[in-house]
PDB file of all heavy atoms in Angstrom:
ATOM      1  N   ARG A   1     -48.742  50.241 -56.865  1.00  0.00           N
ATOM      2  CA  ARG A   1     -47.623  50.697 -55.989  1.00  0.00           C
ATOM      3  C   ARG A   1     -47.345  49.508 -55.101  1.00  0.00           C
ATOM      4  O   ARG A   1     -46.043  49.312 -54.953  1.00  0.00           O
ATOM      5  CB  ARG A   1     -48.164  51.893 -55.127  1.00  0.00           C
ATOM      6  CG  ARG A   1     -48.176  53.200 -55.893  1.00  0.00           C
ATOM      7  CD  ARG A   1     -48.275  54.224 -54.989  1.00  0.00           C
ATOM      8  NE  ARG A   1     -49.589  54.288 -54.079  1.00  0.00           N
ATOM      9  CZ  ARG A   1     -50.680  54.744 -54.503  1.00  0.00           C
ATOM     10  NH1 ARG A   1     -50.865  55.486 -55.685  1.00  0.00           N
ATOM     11  NH2 ARG A   1     -51.779  54.595 -53.770  1.00  0.00           N
ATOM     12  N   ASP A   2     -48.339  48.769 -54.672  1.00  0.00           N
ATOM     13  CA  ASP A   2     -47.987  47.585 -53.758  1.00  0.00           C
ATOM     14  C   ASP A   2     -47.119  46.569 -54.518  1.00  0.00           C
ATOM     15  O   ASP A   2     -46.166  46.077 -54.107  1.00  0.00           O
ATOM     16  CB  ASP A   2     -49.298  46.975 -53.292  1.00  0.00           C
ATOM     17  CG  ASP A   2     -48.999  46.142 -52.097  1.00  0.00           C
ATOM     18  OD1 ASP A   2     -47.854  45.841 -51.680  1.00  0.00           O
ATOM     19  OD2 ASP A   2     -50.019  45.647 -51.459  1.00  0.00           O
ATOM     20  N   LEU A   3     -47.604  46.354 -55.872  1.00  0.00           N
ATOM     21  CA  LEU A   3     -46.804  45.412 -56.617  1.00  0.00           C
ATOM     22  C   LEU A   3     -45.396  45.978 -56.819  1.00  0.00           C
ATOM     23  O   LEU A   3     -44.457  45.178 -56.836  1.00  0.00           O
ATOM     24  CB  LEU A   3     -47.476  45.207 -58.029  1.00  0.00           C
ATOM     25  CG  LEU A   3     -48.425  44.076 -58.067  1.00  0.00           C
ATOM     26  CD1 LEU A   3     -49.290  44.094 -59.396  1.00  0.00           C
ATOM     27  CD2 LEU A   3     -47.825  42.736 -57.972  1.00  0.00           C
ATOM     28  N   GLU A   4     -45.329  47.198 -57.199  1.00  0.00           N
ATOM     29  CA  GLU A   4     -43.948  47.767 -57.389  1.00  0.00           C
ATOM     30  C   GLU A   4     -43.022  47.633 -56.202  1.00  0.00           C
ATOM     31  O   GLU A   4     -41.817  47.190 -56.383  1.00  0.00           O
ATOM     32  CB  GLU A   4     -44.042  49.243 -57.907  1.00  0.00           C
ATOM     33  CG  GLU A   4     -42.786  49.889 -58.242  1.00  0.00           C
ATOM     34  CD  GLU A   4     -42.908  51.239 -58.700  1.00  0.00           C
ATOM     35  OE1 GLU A   4     -44.090  51.807 -58.700  1.00  0.00           O
ATOM     36  OE2 GLU A   4     -41.869  51.981 -59.013  1.00  0.00           O
ATOM     37  N   ASP A   5     -43.608  47.940 -54.970  1.00  0.00           N
ATOM     38  CA  ASP A   5     -42.840  47.832 -53.832  1.00  0.00           C
ATOM     39  C   ASP A   5     -42.424  46.355 -53.573  1.00  0.00           C
ATOM     40  O   ASP A   5     -41.280  46.117 -53.237  1.00  0.00           O
ATOM     41  CB  ASP A   5     -43.631  48.409 -52.632  1.00  0.00           C
ATOM     42  CG  ASP A   5     -43.868  49.862 -52.730  1.00  0.00           C
ATOM     43  OD1 ASP A   5     -43.144  50.523 -53.496  1.00  0.00           O
ATOM     44  OD2 ASP A   5     -44.775  50.411 -51.946  1.00  0.00           O
ATOM     45  N   LYS A   6     -43.383  45.528 -53.844  1.00  0.00           N
ATOM     46  CA  LYS A   6     -43.050  44.008 -53.629  1.00  0.00           C
ATOM     47  C   LYS A   6     -41.938  43.646 -54.558  1.00  0.00           C
ATOM     48  O   LYS A   6     -41.188  42.708 -54.268  1.00  0.00           O
ATOM     49  CB  LYS A   6     -44.258  43.198 -53.636  1.00  0.00           C
ATOM     50  CG  LYS A   6     -45.095  43.347 -52.307  1.00  0.00           C
ATOM     51  CD  LYS A   6     -46.311  42.438 -52.349  1.00  0.00           C
ATOM     52  CE  LYS A   6     -46.941  42.400 -50.947  1.00  0.00           C
ATOM     53  NZ  LYS A   6     -47.036  43.731 -50.342  1.00  0.00           N
ATOM     54  N   SER A   7     -42.077  44.006 -55.831  1.00  0.00           N
ATOM     55  CA  SER A   7     -41.011  43.620 -56.721  1.00  0.00           C
ATOM     56  C   SER A   7     -39.695  44.189 -56.335  1.00  0.00           C
ATOM     57  O   SER A   7     -38.733  43.422 -56.538  1.00  0.00           O
ATOM     58  CB  SER A   7     -41.382  44.231 -58.133  1.00  0.00           C
ATOM     59  OG  SER A   7     -42.648  43.605 -58.680  1.00  0.00           O
ATOM     60  N   SER A   8     -39.620  45.357 -55.835  1.00  0.00           N
ATOM     61  CA  SER A   8     -38.382  45.911 -55.426  1.00  0.00           C
ATOM     62  C   SER A   8     -37.779  45.052 -54.202  1.00  0.00           C
ATOM     63  O   SER A   8     -36.653  44.783 -54.173  1.00  0.00           O
ATOM     64  CB  SER A   8     -38.499  47.468 -54.933  1.00  0.00           C
ATOM     65  OG  SER A   8     -38.900  48.281 -56.022  1.00  0.00           O
ATOM     66  N   ALA A   9     -38.731  44.858 -53.223  1.00  0.00           N
ATOM     67  CA  ALA A   9     -38.350  44.075 -52.152  1.00  0.00           C
ATOM     68  C   ALA A   9     -37.892  42.700 -52.566  1.00  0.00           C
ATOM     69  O   ALA A   9     -36.933  42.040 -52.045  1.00  0.00           O
ATOM     70  CB  ALA A   9     -39.571  44.040 -51.137  1.00  0.00           C
ATOM     71  N   GLN A  10     -38.547  42.060 -53.465  1.00  0.00           N
ATOM     72  CA  GLN A  10     -38.204  40.699 -53.978  1.00  0.00           C
ATOM     73  C   GLN A  10     -36.912  40.736 -54.670  1.00  0.00           C
ATOM     74  O   GLN A  10     -36.018  39.857 -54.426  1.00  0.00           O
ATOM     75  CB  GLN A  10     -39.207  40.255 -54.984  1.00  0.00           C
ATOM     76  CG  GLN A  10     -39.051  38.902 -55.396  1.00  0.00           C
ATOM     77  CD  GLN A  10     -40.112  38.446 -56.501  1.00  0.00           C
ATOM     78  OE1 GLN A  10     -40.570  39.234 -57.285  1.00  0.00           O
ATOM     79  NE2 GLN A  10     -40.678  37.212 -56.342  1.00  0.00           N
ATOM     80  N   CYS A  11     -36.564  41.815 -55.455  1.00  0.00           N
ATOM     81  CA  CYS A  11     -35.269  41.935 -56.069  1.00  0.00           C
ATOM     82  C   CYS A  11     -34.117  41.996 -55.019  1.00  0.00           C
ATOM     83  O   CYS A  11     -33.174  41.451 -55.164  1.00  0.00           O
ATOM     84  CB  CYS A  11     -35.266  43.169 -56.919  1.00  0.00           C
ATOM     85  SG  CYS A  11     -33.730  43.415 -57.846  1.00  0.00           S
ATOM     86  N   ILE A  12     -34.439  42.936 -53.951  1.00  0.00           N
ATOM     87  CA  ILE A  12     -33.471  42.989 -52.878  1.00  0.00           C
ATOM     88  C   ILE A  12     -33.230  41.658 -52.260  1.00  0.00           C
ATOM     89  O   ILE A  12     -32.138  41.299 -51.930  1.00  0.00           O
ATOM     90  CB  ILE A  12     -33.890  44.191 -51.944  1.00  0.00           C
ATOM     91  CG1 ILE A  12     -33.935  45.431 -52.727  1.00  0.00           C
ATOM     92  CG2 ILE A  12     -33.047  44.078 -50.734  1.00  0.00           C
ATOM     93  CD1 ILE A  12     -34.492  46.693 -51.929  1.00  0.00           C
ATOM     94  N   ASP A  13     -34.347  41.009 -51.810  1.00  0.00           N
ATOM     95  CA  ASP A  13     -34.219  39.829 -51.032  1.00  0.00           C
ATOM     96  C   ASP A  13     -33.632  38.663 -51.948  1.00  0.00           C
ATOM     97  O   ASP A  13     -32.884  37.832 -51.359  1.00  0.00           O
ATOM     98  CB  ASP A  13     -35.631  39.412 -50.437  1.00  0.00           C
ATOM     99  CG  ASP A  13     -35.937  40.138 -49.222  1.00  0.00           C
ATOM    100  OD1 ASP A  13     -35.081  40.873 -48.804  1.00  0.00           O
ATOM    101  OD2 ASP A  13     -37.130  40.049 -48.753  1.00  0.00           O
ATOM    102  N   GLU A  14     -33.829  38.701 -53.203  1.00  0.00           N
ATOM    103  CA  GLU A  14     -33.267  37.645 -53.978  1.00  0.00           C
ATOM    104  C   GLU A  14     -31.748  37.920 -54.155  1.00  0.00           C
ATOM    105  O   GLU A  14     -30.990  37.010 -54.153  1.00  0.00           O
ATOM    106  CB  GLU A  14     -33.938  37.668 -55.436  1.00  0.00           C
ATOM    107  CG  GLU A  14     -35.186  37.061 -55.580  1.00  0.00           C
ATOM    108  CD  GLU A  14     -35.792  37.156 -56.971  1.00  0.00           C
ATOM    109  OE1 GLU A  14     -35.188  37.905 -57.745  1.00  0.00           O
ATOM    110  OE2 GLU A  14     -36.803  36.505 -57.185  1.00  0.00           O
ATOM    111  N   LYS A  15     -31.367  39.192 -54.164  1.00  0.00           N
ATOM    112  CA  LYS A  15     -29.938  39.516 -54.095  1.00  0.00           C
ATOM    113  C   LYS A  15     -29.321  39.005 -52.825  1.00  0.00           C
ATOM    114  O   LYS A  15     -28.242  38.430 -52.798  1.00  0.00           O
ATOM    115  CB  LYS A  15     -29.783  41.032 -54.360  1.00  0.00           C
ATOM    116  CG  LYS A  15     -28.288  41.476 -54.324  1.00  0.00           C
ATOM    117  CD  LYS A  15     -28.179  43.020 -54.482  1.00  0.00           C
ATOM    118  CE  LYS A  15     -26.677  43.377 -54.441  1.00  0.00           C
ATOM    119  NZ  LYS A  15     -26.622  44.784 -54.469  1.00  0.00           N
ATOM    120  N   CYS A  16     -29.980  39.348 -51.712  1.00  0.00           N
ATOM    121  CA  CYS A  16     -29.541  38.895 -50.437  1.00  0.00           C
ATOM    122  C   CYS A  16     -29.507  37.319 -50.346  1.00  0.00           C
ATOM    123  O   CYS A  16     -28.487  36.738 -49.835  1.00  0.00           O
ATOM    124  CB  CYS A  16     -30.400  39.461 -49.309  1.00  0.00           C
ATOM    125  SG  CYS A  16     -30.319  41.179 -49.121  1.00  0.00           S
ATOM    126  N   PHE A  17     -30.492  36.728 -50.882  1.00  0.00           N
ATOM    127  CA  PHE A  17     -30.556  35.174 -50.805  1.00  0.00           C
ATOM    128  C   PHE A  17     -29.427  34.714 -51.587  1.00  0.00           C
ATOM    129  O   PHE A  17     -28.890  33.584 -51.295  1.00  0.00           O
ATOM    130  CB  PHE A  17     -31.918  34.818 -51.401  1.00  0.00           C
ATOM    131  CG  PHE A  17     -32.093  33.340 -51.344  1.00  0.00           C
ATOM    132  CD1 PHE A  17     -32.405  32.610 -50.251  1.00  0.00           C
ATOM    133  CD2 PHE A  17     -32.007  32.577 -52.601  1.00  0.00           C
ATOM    134  CE1 PHE A  17     -32.663  31.222 -50.255  1.00  0.00           C
ATOM    135  CE2 PHE A  17     -32.113  31.156 -52.645  1.00  0.00           C
ATOM    136  CZ  PHE A  17     -32.425  30.491 -51.393  1.00  0.00           C
ATOM    137  N   ASN A  18     -29.016  35.246 -52.686  1.00  0.00           N
ATOM    138  CA  ASN A  18     -28.027  34.732 -53.584  1.00  0.00           C
ATOM    139  C   ASN A  18     -26.609  35.200 -53.135  1.00  0.00           C
ATOM    140  O   ASN A  18     -25.633  34.660 -53.836  1.00  0.00           O
ATOM    141  CB  ASN A  18     -28.209  35.151 -55.099  1.00  0.00           C
ATOM    142  CG  ASN A  18     -29.431  34.520 -55.624  1.00  0.00           C
ATOM    143  OD1 ASN A  18     -29.788  33.397 -55.379  1.00  0.00           O
ATOM    144  ND2 ASN A  18     -30.205  35.287 -56.355  1.00  0.00           N
ATOM    145  N   LEU A  19     -26.445  35.974 -52.089  1.00  0.00           N
ATOM    146  CA  LEU A  19     -25.112  36.339 -51.655  1.00  0.00           C
ATOM    147  C   LEU A  19     -24.421  35.129 -51.004  1.00  0.00           C
ATOM    148  O   LEU A  19     -25.011  34.333 -50.263  1.00  0.00           O
ATOM    149  CB  LEU A  19     -25.192  37.467 -50.666  1.00  0.00           C
ATOM    150  CG  LEU A  19     -25.490  38.890 -51.224  1.00  0.00           C
ATOM    151  CD1 LEU A  19     -25.613  39.841 -50.110  1.00  0.00           C
ATOM    152  CD2 LEU A  19     -24.380  39.265 -52.207  1.00  0.00           C
ATOM    153  N   ARG A  20     -23.120  35.058 -51.333  1.00  0.00           N
ATOM    154  CA  ARG A  20     -22.290  34.042 -50.764  1.00  0.00           C
ATOM    155  C   ARG A  20     -21.033  34.549 -50.198  1.00  0.00           C
ATOM    156  O   ARG A  20     -20.742  35.885 -50.424  1.00  0.00           O
ATOM    157  CB  ARG A  20     -21.843  32.922 -51.880  1.00  0.00           C
ATOM    158  CG  ARG A  20     -22.991  32.222 -52.520  1.00  0.00           C
ATOM    159  CD  ARG A  20     -23.803  31.324 -51.390  1.00  0.00           C
ATOM    160  NE  ARG A  20     -24.901  30.513 -52.096  1.00  0.00           N
ATOM    161  CZ  ARG A  20     -26.098  31.033 -52.110  1.00  0.00           C
ATOM    162  NH1 ARG A  20     -26.382  32.208 -51.582  1.00  0.00           N
ATOM    163  NH2 ARG A  20     -27.037  30.285 -52.659  1.00  0.00           N
ATOM    164  N   ASN A  21     -20.351  33.874 -49.467  1.00  0.00           N
ATOM    165  CA  ASN A  21     -19.104  34.313 -48.808  1.00  0.00           C
ATOM    166  C   ASN A  21     -18.013  34.780 -49.895  1.00  0.00           C
ATOM    167  O   ASN A  21     -17.194  35.519 -49.620  1.00  0.00           O
ATOM    168  CB  ASN A  21     -18.443  33.306 -47.793  1.00  0.00           C
ATOM    169  CG  ASN A  21     -19.479  33.008 -46.671  1.00  0.00           C
ATOM    170  OD1 ASN A  21     -20.214  33.955 -46.227  1.00  0.00           O
ATOM    171  ND2 ASN A  21     -19.386  31.833 -46.097  1.00  0.00           N
ATOM    172  N   THR A  22     -18.191  34.316 -51.028  1.00  0.00           N
ATOM    173  CA  THR A  22     -17.273  34.442 -52.176  1.00  0.00           C
ATOM    174  C   THR A  22     -17.764  35.524 -53.046  1.00  0.00           C
ATOM    175  O   THR A  22     -17.138  35.749 -54.087  1.00  0.00           O
ATOM    176  CB  THR A  22     -17.034  33.154 -52.918  1.00  0.00           C
ATOM    177  OG1 THR A  22     -18.230  32.608 -53.405  1.00  0.00           O
ATOM    178  CG2 THR A  22     -16.353  32.072 -51.993  1.00  0.00           C
ATOM    179  N   SER A  23     -18.941  36.065 -52.740  1.00  0.00           N
ATOM    180  CA  SER A  23     -19.431  37.077 -53.628  1.00  0.00           C
ATOM    181  C   SER A  23     -18.556  38.384 -53.692  1.00  0.00           C
ATOM    182  O   SER A  23     -17.964  38.786 -52.714  1.00  0.00           O
ATOM    183  CB  SER A  23     -20.815  37.588 -53.292  1.00  0.00           C
ATOM    184  OG  SER A  23     -21.746  36.404 -53.342  1.00  0.00           O
ATOM    185  N   ASP A  24     -18.496  39.066 -54.950  1.00  0.00           N
ATOM    186  CA  ASP A  24     -17.640  40.276 -55.061  1.00  0.00           C
ATOM    187  C   ASP A  24     -18.244  41.452 -54.429  1.00  0.00           C
ATOM    188  O   ASP A  24     -17.480  42.352 -54.071  1.00  0.00           O
ATOM    189  CB  ASP A  24     -17.400  40.441 -56.536  1.00  0.00           C
ATOM    190  CG  ASP A  24     -16.604  39.374 -57.224  1.00  0.00           C
ATOM    191  OD1 ASP A  24     -15.881  38.646 -56.588  1.00  0.00           O
ATOM    192  OD2 ASP A  24     -16.825  39.177 -58.412  1.00  0.00           O
ATOM    193  N   CYS A  25     -19.575  41.500 -54.260  1.00  0.00           N
ATOM    194  CA  CYS A  25     -20.141  42.738 -53.866  1.00  0.00           C
ATOM    195  C   CYS A  25     -20.359  42.817 -52.276  1.00  0.00           C
ATOM    196  O   CYS A  25     -21.024  43.828 -51.925  1.00  0.00           O
ATOM    197  CB  CYS A  25     -21.605  42.965 -54.504  1.00  0.00           C
ATOM    198  SG  CYS A  25     -22.675  41.420 -54.187  1.00  0.00           S
ATOM    199  N   ILE A  26     -19.843  41.842 -51.579  1.00  0.00           N
ATOM    200  CA  ILE A  26     -20.006  41.969 -50.104  1.00  0.00           C
ATOM    201  C   ILE A  26     -18.951  42.884 -49.569  1.00  0.00           C
ATOM    202  O   ILE A  26     -17.865  43.037 -50.029  1.00  0.00           O
ATOM    203  CB  ILE A  26     -20.010  40.592 -49.502  1.00  0.00           C
ATOM    204  CG1 ILE A  26     -18.657  39.901 -49.628  1.00  0.00           C
ATOM    205  CG2 ILE A  26     -21.069  39.763 -49.957  1.00  0.00           C
ATOM    206  CD1 ILE A  26     -18.533  38.571 -49.022  1.00  0.00           C
ATOM    207  N   SER A  27     -19.340  43.623 -48.345  1.00  0.00           N
ATOM    208  CA  SER A  27     -18.370  44.508 -47.770  1.00  0.00           C
ATOM    209  C   SER A  27     -18.801  44.604 -46.307  1.00  0.00           C
ATOM    210  O   SER A  27     -19.849  44.061 -45.794  1.00  0.00           O
ATOM    211  CB  SER A  27     -18.394  45.788 -48.581  1.00  0.00           C
ATOM    212  OG  SER A  27     -17.512  46.700 -47.805  1.00  0.00           O
ATOM    213  N   PHE A  28     -17.993  45.431 -45.545  1.00  0.00           N
ATOM    214  CA  PHE A  28     -18.339  45.631 -44.099  1.00  0.00           C
ATOM    215  C   PHE A  28     -19.201  46.813 -43.991  1.00  0.00           C
ATOM    216  O   PHE A  28     -18.922  47.792 -44.747  1.00  0.00           O
ATOM    217  CB  PHE A  28     -17.124  45.925 -43.346  1.00  0.00           C
ATOM    218  CG  PHE A  28     -16.217  44.658 -43.161  1.00  0.00           C
ATOM    219  CD1 PHE A  28     -15.024  44.502 -43.651  1.00  0.00           C
ATOM    220  CD2 PHE A  28     -16.710  43.624 -42.231  1.00  0.00           C
ATOM    221  CE1 PHE A  28     -14.259  43.394 -43.501  1.00  0.00           C
ATOM    222  CE2 PHE A  28     -16.045  42.513 -41.991  1.00  0.00           C
ATOM    223  CZ  PHE A  28     -14.730  42.363 -42.623  1.00  0.00           C
ATOM    224  N   PHE A  29     -20.339  46.838 -43.333  1.00  0.00           N
ATOM    225  CA  PHE A  29     -21.176  47.974 -42.922  1.00  0.00           C
ATOM    226  C   PHE A  29     -21.380  47.939 -41.467  1.00  0.00           C
ATOM    227  O   PHE A  29     -22.336  47.523 -40.890  1.00  0.00           O
ATOM    228  CB  PHE A  29     -22.472  47.782 -43.709  1.00  0.00           C
ATOM    229  CG  PHE A  29     -22.394  47.828 -45.310  1.00  0.00           C
ATOM    230  CD1 PHE A  29     -22.194  46.702 -45.959  1.00  0.00           C
ATOM    231  CD2 PHE A  29     -22.455  49.095 -45.837  1.00  0.00           C
ATOM    232  CE1 PHE A  29     -22.186  46.736 -47.379  1.00  0.00           C
ATOM    233  CE2 PHE A  29     -22.336  49.090 -47.195  1.00  0.00           C
ATOM    234  CZ  PHE A  29     -22.149  47.954 -47.996  1.00  0.00           C
ATOM    235  N   HIS A  30     -20.439  48.509 -40.840  1.00  0.00           N
ATOM    236  CA  HIS A  30     -20.366  48.560 -39.445  1.00  0.00           C
ATOM    237  C   HIS A  30     -21.599  49.315 -38.794  1.00  0.00           C
ATOM    238  O   HIS A  30     -21.869  50.404 -39.263  1.00  0.00           O
ATOM    239  CB  HIS A  30     -19.018  49.118 -38.824  1.00  0.00           C
ATOM    240  CG  HIS A  30     -17.814  48.329 -39.194  1.00  0.00           C
ATOM    241  ND1 HIS A  30     -17.601  47.077 -38.739  1.00  0.00           N
ATOM    242  CD2 HIS A  30     -16.961  48.576 -40.138  1.00  0.00           C
ATOM    243  CE1 HIS A  30     -16.420  46.567 -39.344  1.00  0.00           C
ATOM    244  NE2 HIS A  30     -15.971  47.451 -40.079  1.00  0.00           N
ATOM    245  N   GLY A  31     -22.268  48.832 -37.846  1.00  0.00           N
ATOM    246  CA  GLY A  31     -23.204  49.439 -37.103  1.00  0.00           C
ATOM    247  C   GLY A  31     -24.675  49.254 -37.705  1.00  0.00           C
ATOM    248  O   GLY A  31     -25.633  49.743 -37.186  1.00  0.00           O
ATOM    249  N   MET A  32     -24.781  48.472 -38.881  1.00  0.00           N
ATOM    250  CA  MET A  32     -25.995  48.300 -39.545  1.00  0.00           C
ATOM    251  C   MET A  32     -26.912  47.483 -38.679  1.00  0.00           C
ATOM    252  O   MET A  32     -28.276  47.714 -38.811  1.00  0.00           O
ATOM    253  CB  MET A  32     -25.838  47.622 -40.885  1.00  0.00           C
ATOM    254  CG  MET A  32     -25.182  48.488 -41.976  1.00  0.00           C
ATOM    255  SD  MET A  32     -26.128  50.030 -42.253  1.00  0.00           S
ATOM    256  CE  MET A  32     -27.651  49.447 -42.838  1.00  0.00           C
ATOM    257  N   GLU A  33     -26.467  46.561 -37.840  1.00  0.00           N
ATOM    258  CA  GLU A  33     -27.289  45.922 -36.989  1.00  0.00           C
ATOM    259  C   GLU A  33     -28.008  46.600 -35.885  1.00  0.00           C
ATOM    260  O   GLU A  33     -28.997  46.126 -35.217  1.00  0.00           O
ATOM    261  CB  GLU A  33     -26.533  44.740 -36.361  1.00  0.00           C
ATOM    262  CG  GLU A  33     -25.443  45.158 -35.401  1.00  0.00           C
ATOM    263  CD  GLU A  33     -24.130  45.668 -35.995  1.00  0.00           C
ATOM    264  OE1 GLU A  33     -24.163  45.644 -37.217  1.00  0.00           O
ATOM    265  OE2 GLU A  33     -23.162  45.998 -35.205  1.00  0.00           O
ATOM    266  N   LYS A  34     -27.519  47.845 -35.604  1.00  0.00           N
ATOM    267  CA  LYS A  34     -28.079  48.672 -34.728  1.00  0.00           C
ATOM    268  C   LYS A  34     -29.287  49.585 -35.271  1.00  0.00           C
ATOM    269  O   LYS A  34     -29.884  50.271 -34.583  1.00  0.00           O
ATOM    270  CB  LYS A  34     -27.155  49.487 -34.035  1.00  0.00           C
ATOM    271  CG  LYS A  34     -26.044  48.700 -33.241  1.00  0.00           C
ATOM    272  CD  LYS A  34     -24.988  49.588 -32.698  1.00  0.00           C
ATOM    273  CE  LYS A  34     -23.872  48.811 -32.023  1.00  0.00           C
ATOM    274  NZ  LYS A  34     -22.734  49.647 -31.527  1.00  0.00           N
TER     275      LYS A  34
END
């Protein structure tokens, strides 16, 4: 379970790490910082 959770987190953080200002999948999510 720990490995699976870390794999999921790794996948998410890798996606975040690879995001650029020109990426197609970026969008506005107002209020998320709160």
